Amino acid sequence: MLRIEPVIVTGADPTKVISTESSFWKRYCNQKSQLQQMLLDSLPGVVVIDSRDIINKSDCGDFLCHMKASGQKKVADLVILEMGLKKIK
């Protein structure tokens, strides 16, 4: 039997990419960070490739960090590296 291990790629760290000048956005960042951690904690036995620490504000296309091509490329490169895949140029 073939054993398949799912890979979960999470988004950006909201505390790094969202300007938290208002109390609303500070609460939002805290809640989003907690929800991301809950997701990671609720998936025992799963291989997680966590990309949250490689995405910066410069990789975001808007203030909520819908990633630009630079962010997508960083995530893709990390997945390729972590999974030992061959990079296609």
N, C-alpha and C. Protein backbone atom coordinates (compact mmCIF):
# COMPACT_ATOMS: atom_id res chain seq x y z
N MET A 1 0.85 -1.18 0.00
CA MET A 1 0.00 0.00 0.00
C MET A 1 0.89 1.24 0.00
N LEU A 2 0.53 2.18 -0.80
CA LEU A 2 1.26 3.44 -0.90
C LEU A 2 0.81 4.37 0.22
N ARG A 3 1.77 4.90 0.95
CA ARG A 3 1.46 5.85 2.04
C ARG A 3 1.72 7.26 1.53
N ILE A 4 0.71 8.07 1.57
CA ILE A 4 0.82 9.44 1.09
C ILE A 4 0.78 10.38 2.29
N GLU A 5 1.77 11.26 2.39
CA GLU A 5 1.80 12.25 3.46
C GLU A 5 1.44 13.61 2.88
N PRO A 6 0.35 14.18 3.34
CA PRO A 6 -0.03 15.49 2.81
C PRO A 6 0.96 16.57 3.25
N VAL A 7 1.07 17.58 2.45
CA VAL A 7 1.94 18.72 2.76
C VAL A 7 1.05 19.95 2.83
N ILE A 8 1.15 20.67 3.92
CA ILE A 8 0.37 21.89 4.11
C ILE A 8 1.32 23.08 4.03
N VAL A 9 1.01 24.02 3.17
CA VAL A 9 1.81 25.22 3.06
C VAL A 9 0.97 26.37 3.61
N THR A 10 1.46 26.98 4.66
CA THR A 10 0.70 28.08 5.26
C THR A 10 1.11 29.40 4.62
N GLY A 11 0.36 30.44 4.91
CA GLY A 11 0.62 31.75 4.33
C GLY A 11 1.68 32.53 5.08
N ALA A 12 1.56 33.81 5.02
CA ALA A 12 2.53 34.71 5.63
C ALA A 12 2.22 34.92 7.11
N ASP A 13 3.24 35.31 7.85
CA ASP A 13 3.07 35.67 9.26
C ASP A 13 2.42 37.05 9.30
N PRO A 14 1.17 37.14 9.77
CA PRO A 14 0.47 38.43 9.72
C PRO A 14 1.17 39.53 10.52
N THR A 15 1.91 39.15 11.55
CA THR A 15 2.59 40.18 12.35
C THR A 15 3.77 40.79 11.58
N LYS A 16 4.23 40.12 10.54
CA LYS A 16 5.33 40.64 9.72
C LYS A 16 4.85 41.44 8.52
N VAL A 17 3.69 41.10 7.99
CA VAL A 17 3.28 41.67 6.71
C VAL A 17 2.12 42.67 6.78
N ILE A 18 1.43 42.70 7.91
CA ILE A 18 0.30 43.63 8.03
C ILE A 18 0.70 44.75 8.98
N SER A 19 0.47 45.98 8.54
CA SER A 19 0.73 47.13 9.42
C SER A 19 -0.28 47.10 10.55
N THR A 20 0.22 47.09 11.76
CA THR A 20 -0.66 46.95 12.93
C THR A 20 -0.77 48.25 13.70
N GLU A 21 -1.07 49.33 12.99
CA GLU A 21 -1.18 50.63 13.65
C GLU A 21 -2.50 50.78 14.39
N SER A 22 -3.54 50.13 13.94
CA SER A 22 -4.83 50.24 14.61
C SER A 22 -5.06 49.03 15.51
N SER A 23 -5.90 49.21 16.52
CA SER A 23 -6.19 48.11 17.43
C SER A 23 -6.95 46.99 16.70
N PHE A 24 -7.75 47.34 15.71
CA PHE A 24 -8.48 46.32 14.94
C PHE A 24 -7.50 45.37 14.26
N TRP A 25 -6.50 45.92 13.57
CA TRP A 25 -5.56 45.09 12.83
C TRP A 25 -4.62 44.34 13.77
N LYS A 26 -4.34 44.89 14.93
CA LYS A 26 -3.54 44.15 15.91
C LYS A 26 -4.30 42.90 16.36
N ARG A 27 -5.59 43.07 16.65
CA ARG A 27 -6.42 41.92 17.04
C ARG A 27 -6.50 40.90 15.90
N TYR A 28 -6.69 41.41 14.68
CA TYR A 28 -6.76 40.53 13.51
C TYR A 28 -5.49 39.70 13.38
N CYS A 29 -4.32 40.33 13.50
CA CYS A 29 -3.04 39.63 13.39
C CYS A 29 -2.90 38.57 14.47
N ASN A 30 -3.27 38.92 15.68
CA ASN A 30 -3.18 37.95 16.78
C ASN A 30 -4.10 36.76 16.54
N GLN A 31 -5.32 37.03 16.10
CA GLN A 31 -6.27 35.94 15.84
C GLN A 31 -5.81 35.07 14.68
N LYS A 32 -5.31 35.70 13.63
CA LYS A 32 -4.85 34.93 12.47
C LYS A 32 -3.66 34.06 12.85
N SER A 33 -2.74 34.59 13.63
CA SER A 33 -1.59 33.81 14.08
C SER A 33 -2.04 32.62 14.92
N GLN A 34 -3.00 32.84 15.80
CA GLN A 34 -3.52 31.76 16.64
C GLN A 34 -4.20 30.69 15.80
N LEU A 35 -4.97 31.11 14.80
CA LEU A 35 -5.65 30.15 13.93
C LEU A 35 -4.65 29.35 13.10
N GLN A 36 -3.60 29.99 12.61
CA GLN A 36 -2.57 29.27 11.87
C GLN A 36 -1.92 28.22 12.77
N GLN A 37 -1.62 28.58 14.02
CA GLN A 37 -0.99 27.64 14.93
C GLN A 37 -1.94 26.50 15.28
N MET A 38 -3.22 26.81 15.45
CA MET A 38 -4.21 25.76 15.72
C MET A 38 -4.26 24.76 14.56
N LEU A 39 -4.19 25.26 13.33
CA LEU A 39 -4.18 24.38 12.17
C LEU A 39 -2.97 23.45 12.22
N LEU A 40 -1.80 24.02 12.47
CA LEU A 40 -0.59 23.21 12.53
C LEU A 40 -0.67 22.17 13.65
N ASP A 41 -1.18 22.57 14.80
CA ASP A 41 -1.27 21.68 15.96
C ASP A 41 -2.31 20.57 15.77
N SER A 42 -3.29 20.79 14.89
CA SER A 42 -4.38 19.82 14.75
C SER A 42 -4.10 18.78 13.66
N LEU A 43 -2.90 18.79 13.10
CA LEU A 43 -2.58 17.87 12.01
C LEU A 43 -1.42 16.94 12.38
N PRO A 44 -1.62 16.07 13.36
CA PRO A 44 -0.51 15.17 13.74
C PRO A 44 -0.16 14.22 12.61
N GLY A 45 1.11 13.93 12.46
CA GLY A 45 1.56 13.01 11.44
C GLY A 45 1.67 13.59 10.05
N VAL A 46 1.42 14.86 9.93
CA VAL A 46 1.46 15.53 8.63
C VAL A 46 2.79 16.25 8.48
N VAL A 47 3.36 16.17 7.29
CA VAL A 47 4.57 16.93 7.01
C VAL A 47 4.15 18.36 6.68
N VAL A 48 4.66 19.31 7.43
CA VAL A 48 4.29 20.71 7.23
C VAL A 48 5.50 21.46 6.70
N ILE A 49 5.29 22.16 5.60
CA ILE A 49 6.31 23.07 5.08
C ILE A 49 5.79 24.46 5.39
N ASP A 50 6.36 25.05 6.39
CA ASP A 50 5.87 26.32 6.91
C ASP A 50 6.60 27.48 6.24
N SER A 51 5.88 28.23 5.45
CA SER A 51 6.49 29.33 4.69
C SER A 51 6.29 30.69 5.34
N ARG A 52 5.71 30.71 6.53
CA ARG A 52 5.37 32.01 7.12
C ARG A 52 6.57 32.90 7.39
N ASP A 53 7.73 32.31 7.64
CA ASP A 53 8.88 33.14 8.00
C ASP A 53 9.67 33.65 6.80
N ILE A 54 9.31 33.27 5.58
CA ILE A 54 10.07 33.74 4.41
C ILE A 54 9.38 34.86 3.64
N ILE A 55 8.13 35.14 3.97
CA ILE A 55 7.37 36.16 3.25
C ILE A 55 7.49 37.50 3.97
N ASN A 56 7.84 38.53 3.22
CA ASN A 56 7.97 39.89 3.75
C ASN A 56 6.91 40.79 3.13
N LYS A 57 6.78 42.00 3.65
CA LYS A 57 5.82 42.96 3.10
C LYS A 57 6.05 43.20 1.62
N SER A 58 7.31 43.17 1.20
CA SER A 58 7.62 43.42 -0.21
C SER A 58 7.08 42.33 -1.13
N ASP A 59 6.72 41.17 -0.56
CA ASP A 59 6.16 40.07 -1.34
C ASP A 59 4.64 40.15 -1.43
N CYS A 60 4.05 41.15 -0.80
CA CYS A 60 2.60 41.27 -0.72
C CYS A 60 2.08 42.28 -1.74
N GLY A 61 0.96 41.95 -2.36
CA GLY A 61 0.34 42.84 -3.33
C GLY A 61 -0.63 43.81 -2.71
N ASP A 62 -1.02 43.56 -1.47
CA ASP A 62 -1.93 44.47 -0.77
C ASP A 62 -1.66 44.37 0.72
N PHE A 63 -2.41 45.12 1.51
CA PHE A 63 -2.10 45.18 2.94
C PHE A 63 -2.46 43.91 3.71
N LEU A 64 -3.24 43.01 3.12
CA LEU A 64 -3.54 41.73 3.77
C LEU A 64 -2.65 40.61 3.26
N CYS A 65 -1.71 40.94 2.41
CA CYS A 65 -0.70 40.04 1.87
C CYS A 65 -1.25 38.94 0.98
N HIS A 66 -1.98 39.35 -0.05
CA HIS A 66 -2.21 38.43 -1.16
C HIS A 66 -0.92 38.51 -1.96
N MET A 67 -0.20 37.40 -2.01
CA MET A 67 1.18 37.42 -2.48
C MET A 67 1.34 37.78 -3.96
N LYS A 68 2.38 38.55 -4.20
CA LYS A 68 2.82 38.85 -5.56
C LYS A 68 3.65 37.65 -6.04
N ALA A 69 4.12 37.74 -7.26
CA ALA A 69 4.91 36.65 -7.85
C ALA A 69 6.15 36.34 -7.00
N SER A 70 6.76 37.36 -6.41
CA SER A 70 7.96 37.12 -5.60
C SER A 70 7.66 36.23 -4.39
N GLY A 71 6.52 36.43 -3.76
CA GLY A 71 6.12 35.59 -2.63
C GLY A 71 5.79 34.18 -3.07
N GLN A 72 5.06 34.06 -4.18
CA GLN A 72 4.72 32.74 -4.71
C GLN A 72 5.99 31.96 -5.07
N LYS A 73 6.97 32.65 -5.63
CA LYS A 73 8.23 31.99 -6.01
C LYS A 73 8.98 31.51 -4.76
N LYS A 74 9.00 32.33 -3.71
CA LYS A 74 9.67 31.91 -2.47
C LYS A 74 9.02 30.65 -1.91
N VAL A 75 7.70 30.61 -1.92
CA VAL A 75 6.99 29.43 -1.40
C VAL A 75 7.29 28.22 -2.28
N ALA A 76 7.21 28.39 -3.59
CA ALA A 76 7.48 27.28 -4.51
C ALA A 76 8.90 26.75 -4.32
N ASP A 77 9.87 27.66 -4.21
CA ASP A 77 11.26 27.24 -4.02
C ASP A 77 11.44 26.47 -2.72
N LEU A 78 10.76 26.90 -1.67
CA LEU A 78 10.85 26.21 -0.38
C LEU A 78 10.25 24.81 -0.48
N VAL A 79 9.10 24.68 -1.11
CA VAL A 79 8.46 23.37 -1.27
C VAL A 79 9.36 22.44 -2.07
N ILE A 80 9.93 22.95 -3.16
CA ILE A 80 10.83 22.15 -3.99
C ILE A 80 12.03 21.68 -3.17
N LEU A 81 12.61 22.58 -2.40
CA LEU A 81 13.76 22.24 -1.57
C LEU A 81 13.40 21.20 -0.51
N GLU A 82 12.34 21.47 0.25
CA GLU A 82 11.96 20.60 1.36
C GLU A 82 11.53 19.21 0.90
N MET A 83 10.92 19.12 -0.27
CA MET A 83 10.46 17.82 -0.77
C MET A 83 11.52 17.11 -1.60
N GLY A 84 12.65 17.77 -1.82
CA GLY A 84 13.73 17.15 -2.59
C GLY A 84 13.37 16.97 -4.06
N LEU A 85 12.58 17.90 -4.58
CA LEU A 85 12.18 17.81 -5.98
C LEU A 85 13.20 18.47 -6.89
N LYS A 86 13.12 18.16 -8.16
CA LYS A 86 14.01 18.78 -9.14
C LYS A 86 13.40 20.10 -9.59
N LYS A 87 14.20 21.14 -9.58
CA LYS A 87 13.75 22.46 -9.98
C LYS A 87 13.79 22.56 -11.50
N ILE A 88 12.68 22.99 -12.08
CA ILE A 88 12.59 23.18 -13.53
C ILE A 88 12.84 24.65 -13.83
N LYS A 89 13.75 24.91 -14.74
CA LYS A 89 14.07 26.31 -15.08
C LYS A 89 13.29 26.79 -16.25
